Amino acid sequence: MTRPYTRRMGRTFGFIGMIAVVAIGGYVYVGQIHGISPNGATPKTTVNVIGVRNGLMAIANAEKRYWVAHAKYAPLEELGSNGDITVPARQGFRYNVVAGDNNFTATATYVGEDPKAPRRITIDENMALTSE
C-alpha cells in the first residue's frame, strides 16, 4: 500500500523534472535562433543574406569561367548577356561587379530597412567573402 505522502513526492519530482527539461530545451532553442540570425537581424533578412552570399559565389564562379575563356574578368551585365549567369535578385540588395584584367570585386549592397543587416557583402577573385 502506497502512502499519500510518497505519491505527492513522486508527482513533485516529476513536475520539477519536467520544468528542468523545458528550461534546458528553451535555452538550446534560443541559442540556435541566435546562431541563425546573427547580430539580431530578422529571419527574413538572414535568409536574404544567405541567398546573397550564394549569389555572390555564383558570380565569382562565373567570373572564373569567363576568365578562362577570355583571359580577363567581365562586368555583371556582360556575364548576364553572355548567359554565363542569371543575374541574382534579392529583395533589399543591389549587385555590382568591378572587373579588371586580373581581378574583380562583386558587391551586394543592402538598401533595405533592417538596421542589423550587413550593409555590404563582397567577394573577390580569391573567393574571399567579407561582410561590413
N, C-alpha and C. Protein backbone atom coordinates (compact mmCIF):
# COMPACT_ATOMS: atom_id res chain seq x y z
N MET A 1 0.83 -1.17 0.00
CA MET A 1 0.00 0.00 0.00
C MET A 1 0.89 1.25 0.00
N THR A 2 0.62 2.16 -0.92
CA THR A 2 1.41 3.36 -1.07
C THR A 2 0.84 4.46 -0.21
N ARG A 3 1.73 5.16 0.43
CA ARG A 3 1.28 6.25 1.27
C ARG A 3 1.03 7.51 0.41
N PRO A 4 0.05 8.36 0.79
CA PRO A 4 -0.24 9.57 0.04
C PRO A 4 0.98 10.50 -0.03
N TYR A 5 1.79 10.51 1.01
CA TYR A 5 2.99 11.36 1.04
C TYR A 5 3.95 10.96 -0.08
N THR A 6 4.14 9.67 -0.31
CA THR A 6 5.04 9.16 -1.32
C THR A 6 4.54 9.52 -2.71
N ARG A 7 3.24 9.44 -2.94
CA ARG A 7 2.68 9.81 -4.24
C ARG A 7 2.90 11.29 -4.53
N ARG A 8 2.70 12.13 -3.52
CA ARG A 8 2.91 13.56 -3.72
C ARG A 8 4.37 13.86 -4.02
N MET A 9 5.27 13.19 -3.36
CA MET A 9 6.70 13.40 -3.61
C MET A 9 7.06 12.98 -5.04
N GLY A 10 6.51 11.88 -5.50
CA GLY A 10 6.76 11.42 -6.86
C GLY A 10 6.24 12.42 -7.89
N ARG A 11 5.05 12.95 -7.66
CA ARG A 11 4.50 13.94 -8.57
C ARG A 11 5.32 15.23 -8.54
N THR A 12 5.75 15.61 -7.36
CA THR A 12 6.55 16.83 -7.23
C THR A 12 7.86 16.70 -7.99
N PHE A 13 8.55 15.59 -7.81
CA PHE A 13 9.82 15.37 -8.53
C PHE A 13 9.59 15.27 -10.04
N GLY A 14 8.48 14.67 -10.45
CA GLY A 14 8.15 14.61 -11.87
C GLY A 14 7.91 15.99 -12.45
N PHE A 15 7.20 16.84 -11.69
CA PHE A 15 6.94 18.21 -12.14
C PHE A 15 8.23 19.01 -12.22
N ILE A 16 9.08 18.87 -11.22
CA ILE A 16 10.37 19.58 -11.23
C ILE A 16 11.23 19.11 -12.39
N GLY A 17 11.22 17.82 -12.66
CA GLY A 17 11.98 17.27 -13.80
C GLY A 17 11.47 17.81 -15.12
N MET A 18 10.15 17.92 -15.26
CA MET A 18 9.57 18.45 -16.48
C MET A 18 9.95 19.92 -16.67
N ILE A 19 9.91 20.71 -15.62
CA ILE A 19 10.30 22.12 -15.69
C ILE A 19 11.77 22.23 -16.10
N ALA A 20 12.63 21.38 -15.56
CA ALA A 20 14.06 21.41 -15.91
C ALA A 20 14.26 21.08 -17.39
N VAL A 21 13.56 20.10 -17.90
CA VAL A 21 13.69 19.72 -19.31
C VAL A 21 13.21 20.85 -20.21
N VAL A 22 12.10 21.48 -19.87
CA VAL A 22 11.58 22.60 -20.66
C VAL A 22 12.57 23.77 -20.63
N ALA A 23 13.15 24.05 -19.47
CA ALA A 23 14.12 25.15 -19.36
C ALA A 23 15.36 24.88 -20.21
N ILE A 24 15.87 23.67 -20.16
CA ILE A 24 17.05 23.31 -20.96
C ILE A 24 16.72 23.38 -22.45
N GLY A 25 15.56 22.86 -22.82
CA GLY A 25 15.13 22.93 -24.22
C GLY A 25 14.99 24.36 -24.71
N GLY A 26 14.41 25.23 -23.89
CA GLY A 26 14.29 26.64 -24.25
C GLY A 26 15.64 27.31 -24.42
N TYR A 27 16.57 26.99 -23.54
CA TYR A 27 17.92 27.56 -23.63
C TYR A 27 18.60 27.14 -24.93
N VAL A 28 18.50 25.87 -25.28
CA VAL A 28 19.10 25.37 -26.52
C VAL A 28 18.42 26.02 -27.73
N TYR A 29 17.10 26.15 -27.70
CA TYR A 29 16.36 26.77 -28.81
C TYR A 29 16.79 28.22 -29.02
N VAL A 30 16.89 28.98 -27.96
CA VAL A 30 17.30 30.38 -28.08
C VAL A 30 18.73 30.46 -28.62
N GLY A 31 19.60 29.57 -28.19
CA GLY A 31 20.97 29.54 -28.72
C GLY A 31 20.99 29.25 -30.21
N GLN A 32 20.14 28.37 -30.67
CA GLN A 32 20.07 28.04 -32.09
C GLN A 32 19.54 29.23 -32.89
N ILE A 33 18.56 29.92 -32.37
CA ILE A 33 18.00 31.09 -33.06
C ILE A 33 19.07 32.17 -33.20
N HIS A 34 19.85 32.39 -32.16
CA HIS A 34 20.91 33.40 -32.24
C HIS A 34 21.98 32.99 -33.25
N GLY A 35 22.23 31.72 -33.40
CA GLY A 35 23.19 31.25 -34.39
C GLY A 35 22.70 31.45 -35.81
N ILE A 36 21.39 31.35 -36.01
CA ILE A 36 20.82 31.50 -37.34
C ILE A 36 20.69 32.98 -37.71
N SER A 37 20.31 33.81 -36.77
CA SER A 37 20.11 35.24 -37.01
C SER A 37 21.20 36.04 -36.30
N PRO A 38 22.41 36.10 -36.89
CA PRO A 38 23.48 36.81 -36.22
C PRO A 38 23.19 38.30 -36.11
N ASN A 39 23.70 38.91 -35.09
CA ASN A 39 23.57 40.35 -34.84
C ASN A 39 22.13 40.80 -34.67
N GLY A 40 21.21 39.88 -34.44
CA GLY A 40 19.83 40.25 -34.19
C GLY A 40 19.03 40.60 -35.43
N ALA A 41 19.52 40.28 -36.62
CA ALA A 41 18.78 40.57 -37.86
C ALA A 41 17.51 39.74 -37.88
N THR A 42 16.52 40.23 -38.61
CA THR A 42 15.26 39.49 -38.71
C THR A 42 15.49 38.20 -39.49
N PRO A 43 14.66 37.19 -39.27
CA PRO A 43 14.81 35.94 -40.02
C PRO A 43 14.74 36.14 -41.53
N LYS A 44 13.86 37.04 -41.99
CA LYS A 44 13.74 37.30 -43.42
C LYS A 44 15.06 37.87 -43.97
N THR A 45 15.65 38.80 -43.24
CA THR A 45 16.93 39.37 -43.67
C THR A 45 18.02 38.30 -43.65
N THR A 46 18.00 37.44 -42.64
CA THR A 46 19.00 36.38 -42.55
C THR A 46 18.92 35.45 -43.75
N VAL A 47 17.70 35.10 -44.15
CA VAL A 47 17.52 34.24 -45.33
C VAL A 47 18.04 34.96 -46.57
N ASN A 48 17.73 36.25 -46.69
CA ASN A 48 18.20 37.02 -47.84
C ASN A 48 19.73 37.11 -47.86
N VAL A 49 20.35 37.29 -46.71
CA VAL A 49 21.82 37.37 -46.64
C VAL A 49 22.44 36.05 -47.09
N ILE A 50 21.87 34.94 -46.68
CA ILE A 50 22.38 33.63 -47.12
C ILE A 50 22.23 33.51 -48.64
N GLY A 51 21.09 33.95 -49.18
CA GLY A 51 20.88 33.93 -50.62
C GLY A 51 21.86 34.84 -51.35
N VAL A 52 22.14 36.00 -50.77
CA VAL A 52 23.10 36.93 -51.37
C VAL A 52 24.49 36.30 -51.41
N ARG A 53 24.89 35.67 -50.34
CA ARG A 53 26.21 35.00 -50.33
C ARG A 53 26.28 33.93 -51.40
N ASN A 54 25.21 33.16 -51.54
CA ASN A 54 25.18 32.15 -52.61
C ASN A 54 25.23 32.80 -53.98
N GLY A 55 24.51 33.91 -54.15
CA GLY A 55 24.54 34.64 -55.42
C GLY A 55 25.93 35.18 -55.74
N LEU A 56 26.61 35.71 -54.72
CA LEU A 56 27.97 36.21 -54.94
C LEU A 56 28.94 35.07 -55.29
N MET A 57 28.74 33.92 -54.67
CA MET A 57 29.58 32.75 -55.02
C MET A 57 29.32 32.35 -56.48
N ALA A 58 28.08 32.41 -56.91
CA ALA A 58 27.75 32.08 -58.31
C ALA A 58 28.39 33.10 -59.26
N ILE A 59 28.35 34.37 -58.89
CA ILE A 59 29.00 35.40 -59.71
C ILE A 59 30.50 35.14 -59.79
N ALA A 60 31.12 34.83 -58.66
CA ALA A 60 32.56 34.58 -58.64
C ALA A 60 32.92 33.37 -59.50
N ASN A 61 32.12 32.33 -59.44
CA ASN A 61 32.38 31.16 -60.28
C ASN A 61 32.21 31.49 -61.76
N ALA A 62 31.21 32.31 -62.09
CA ALA A 62 31.02 32.74 -63.48
C ALA A 62 32.21 33.59 -63.94
N GLU A 63 32.71 34.43 -63.06
CA GLU A 63 33.89 35.23 -63.38
C GLU A 63 35.10 34.34 -63.66
N LYS A 64 35.27 33.31 -62.86
CA LYS A 64 36.39 32.38 -63.07
C LYS A 64 36.26 31.68 -64.44
N ARG A 65 35.04 31.24 -64.77
CA ARG A 65 34.83 30.60 -66.07
C ARG A 65 35.08 31.59 -67.20
N TYR A 66 34.62 32.83 -67.03
CA TYR A 66 34.81 33.86 -68.05
C TYR A 66 36.30 34.15 -68.24
N TRP A 67 37.04 34.19 -67.14
CA TRP A 67 38.47 34.48 -67.22
C TRP A 67 39.22 33.38 -67.99
N VAL A 68 38.82 32.12 -67.79
CA VAL A 68 39.45 31.02 -68.51
C VAL A 68 39.23 31.16 -70.01
N ALA A 69 38.06 31.61 -70.41
CA ALA A 69 37.75 31.72 -71.83
C ALA A 69 38.28 33.01 -72.47
N HIS A 70 38.38 34.11 -71.69
CA HIS A 70 38.70 35.41 -72.27
C HIS A 70 39.96 36.07 -71.70
N ALA A 71 40.59 35.47 -70.72
CA ALA A 71 41.80 36.00 -70.07
C ALA A 71 41.57 37.37 -69.44
N LYS A 72 40.34 37.63 -69.02
CA LYS A 72 40.01 38.85 -68.27
C LYS A 72 38.69 38.60 -67.56
N TYR A 73 38.37 39.46 -66.61
CA TYR A 73 37.09 39.38 -65.92
C TYR A 73 36.11 40.34 -66.57
N ALA A 74 34.81 40.14 -66.32
CA ALA A 74 33.78 40.91 -67.00
C ALA A 74 32.85 41.59 -66.01
N PRO A 75 32.26 42.70 -66.44
CA PRO A 75 31.22 43.32 -65.61
C PRO A 75 29.98 42.42 -65.54
N LEU A 76 29.15 42.66 -64.57
CA LEU A 76 27.97 41.83 -64.33
C LEU A 76 27.04 41.78 -65.55
N GLU A 77 26.87 42.91 -66.22
CA GLU A 77 25.98 42.95 -67.37
C GLU A 77 26.47 42.02 -68.48
N GLU A 78 27.77 41.98 -68.68
CA GLU A 78 28.34 41.12 -69.72
C GLU A 78 28.18 39.65 -69.35
N LEU A 79 28.37 39.32 -68.08
CA LEU A 79 28.18 37.93 -67.64
C LEU A 79 26.73 37.51 -67.89
N GLY A 80 25.79 38.41 -67.61
CA GLY A 80 24.38 38.09 -67.81
C GLY A 80 24.01 37.99 -69.27
N SER A 81 24.56 38.88 -70.10
CA SER A 81 24.20 38.87 -71.52
C SER A 81 24.82 37.69 -72.25
N ASN A 82 25.96 37.19 -71.79
CA ASN A 82 26.60 36.03 -72.40
C ASN A 82 25.97 34.72 -71.95
N GLY A 83 25.09 34.79 -70.97
CA GLY A 83 24.48 33.57 -70.46
C GLY A 83 25.34 32.82 -69.47
N ASP A 84 26.44 33.45 -69.02
CA ASP A 84 27.30 32.80 -68.02
C ASP A 84 26.60 32.70 -66.67
N ILE A 85 25.66 33.60 -66.43
CA ILE A 85 24.98 33.61 -65.14
C ILE A 85 23.64 34.32 -65.29
N THR A 86 22.70 33.91 -64.49
CA THR A 86 21.46 34.67 -64.34
C THR A 86 21.74 35.66 -63.22
N VAL A 87 21.62 36.92 -63.53
CA VAL A 87 21.95 37.95 -62.54
C VAL A 87 21.01 37.78 -61.35
N PRO A 88 21.59 37.58 -60.16
CA PRO A 88 20.75 37.35 -58.98
C PRO A 88 19.95 38.59 -58.60
N ALA A 89 18.82 38.36 -57.97
CA ALA A 89 17.98 39.45 -57.46
C ALA A 89 17.49 39.05 -56.07
N ARG A 90 17.79 39.87 -55.10
CA ARG A 90 17.34 39.65 -53.73
C ARG A 90 16.73 40.92 -53.21
N GLN A 91 15.60 40.78 -52.54
CA GLN A 91 14.91 41.94 -52.00
C GLN A 91 15.81 42.70 -51.04
N GLY A 92 15.98 43.99 -51.30
CA GLY A 92 16.77 44.84 -50.42
C GLY A 92 18.25 44.90 -50.77
N PHE A 93 18.69 44.20 -51.82
CA PHE A 93 20.11 44.19 -52.18
C PHE A 93 20.30 44.61 -53.63
N ARG A 94 21.38 45.32 -53.89
CA ARG A 94 21.80 45.68 -55.25
C ARG A 94 23.18 45.08 -55.49
N TYR A 95 23.35 44.52 -56.67
CA TYR A 95 24.62 43.88 -57.03
C TYR A 95 25.42 44.77 -57.97
N ASN A 96 26.75 44.67 -57.84
CA ASN A 96 27.66 45.40 -58.72
C ASN A 96 28.95 44.60 -58.83
N VAL A 97 29.56 44.63 -60.00
CA VAL A 97 30.86 43.99 -60.21
C VAL A 97 31.81 45.00 -60.81
N VAL A 98 32.96 45.14 -60.18
CA VAL A 98 34.05 45.95 -60.73
C VAL A 98 35.08 44.94 -61.22
N ALA A 99 35.31 44.93 -62.55
CA ALA A 99 36.18 43.90 -63.15
C ALA A 99 37.35 44.54 -63.87
N GLY A 100 38.49 43.90 -63.74
CA GLY A 100 39.68 44.30 -64.47
C GLY A 100 40.25 43.10 -65.20
N ASP A 101 41.45 43.24 -65.73
CA ASP A 101 42.07 42.11 -66.42
C ASP A 101 42.45 40.99 -65.46
N ASN A 102 42.94 41.36 -64.27
CA ASN A 102 43.47 40.36 -63.35
C ASN A 102 42.72 40.24 -62.03
N ASN A 103 41.68 41.04 -61.84
CA ASN A 103 40.94 40.94 -60.59
C ASN A 103 39.50 41.42 -60.76
N PHE A 104 38.68 41.10 -59.80
CA PHE A 104 37.31 41.57 -59.77
C PHE A 104 36.83 41.64 -58.33
N THR A 105 35.83 42.44 -58.12
CA THR A 105 35.16 42.51 -56.83
C THR A 105 33.66 42.59 -57.11
N ALA A 106 32.94 41.61 -56.61
CA ALA A 106 31.48 41.61 -56.72
C ALA A 106 30.93 42.05 -55.38
N THR A 107 30.01 43.00 -55.40
CA THR A 107 29.48 43.58 -54.17
C THR A 107 27.96 43.54 -54.19
N ALA A 108 27.39 43.17 -53.06
CA ALA A 108 25.96 43.28 -52.84
C ALA A 108 25.78 44.31 -51.73
N THR A 109 25.08 45.39 -52.04
CA THR A 109 24.86 46.47 -51.08
C THR A 109 23.43 46.42 -50.59
N TYR A 110 23.26 46.46 -49.28
CA TYR A 110 21.92 46.40 -48.69
C TYR A 110 21.30 47.78 -48.67
N VAL A 111 20.09 47.88 -49.19
CA VAL A 111 19.37 49.16 -49.22
C VAL A 111 18.02 49.03 -48.51
N GLY A 112 17.84 47.97 -47.75
CA GLY A 112 16.58 47.75 -47.05
C GLY A 112 16.51 48.49 -45.73
N GLU A 113 15.54 48.10 -44.91
CA GLU A 113 15.24 48.83 -43.69
C GLU A 113 15.76 48.17 -42.41
N ASP A 114 16.26 46.96 -42.46
CA ASP A 114 16.73 46.27 -41.25
C ASP A 114 18.07 46.87 -40.82
N PRO A 115 18.14 47.54 -39.67
CA PRO A 115 19.39 48.18 -39.25
C PRO A 115 20.48 47.19 -38.86
N LYS A 116 20.11 45.94 -38.62
CA LYS A 116 21.09 44.95 -38.20
C LYS A 116 21.67 44.13 -39.36
N ALA A 117 21.19 44.38 -40.57
CA ALA A 117 21.67 43.65 -41.75
C ALA A 117 23.05 44.18 -42.14
N PRO A 118 23.91 43.30 -42.70
CA PRO A 118 25.19 43.80 -43.20
C PRO A 118 24.98 44.76 -44.35
N ARG A 119 25.66 45.87 -44.33
CA ARG A 119 25.48 46.91 -45.36
C ARG A 119 26.10 46.52 -46.69
N ARG A 120 27.19 45.76 -46.64
CA ARG A 120 27.87 45.39 -47.87
C ARG A 120 28.50 44.01 -47.69
N ILE A 121 28.29 43.17 -48.70
CA ILE A 121 28.93 41.84 -48.75
C ILE A 121 29.70 41.79 -50.05
N THR A 122 30.97 41.41 -49.99
CA THR A 122 31.80 41.37 -51.20
C THR A 122 32.50 40.03 -51.34
N ILE A 123 32.87 39.75 -52.59
CA ILE A 123 33.70 38.59 -52.90
C ILE A 123 34.68 39.04 -53.98
N ASP A 124 35.88 38.45 -53.95
CA ASP A 124 36.89 38.84 -54.94
C ASP A 124 37.40 37.60 -55.67
N GLU A 125 38.42 37.79 -56.49
CA GLU A 125 38.95 36.70 -57.30
C GLU A 125 39.56 35.57 -56.46
N ASN A 126 39.84 35.83 -55.20
CA ASN A 126 40.36 34.81 -54.30
C ASN A 126 39.25 34.03 -53.61
N MET A 127 38.00 34.34 -53.99
CA MET A 127 36.79 33.70 -53.43
C MET A 127 36.65 34.02 -51.93
N ALA A 128 37.14 35.19 -51.52
CA ALA A 128 37.04 35.61 -50.13
C ALA A 128 35.78 36.45 -49.94
N LEU A 129 34.86 35.95 -49.14
CA LEU A 129 33.63 36.67 -48.81
C LEU A 129 33.87 37.52 -47.58
N THR A 130 33.48 38.80 -47.64
CA THR A 130 33.58 39.68 -46.47
C THR A 130 32.27 40.43 -46.30
N SER A 131 31.94 40.73 -45.06
CA SER A 131 30.72 41.48 -44.73
C SER A 131 31.10 42.70 -43.92
N GLU A 132 30.39 43.77 -44.17
CA GLU A 132 30.58 45.01 -43.39
C GLU A 132 29.28 45.41 -42.75
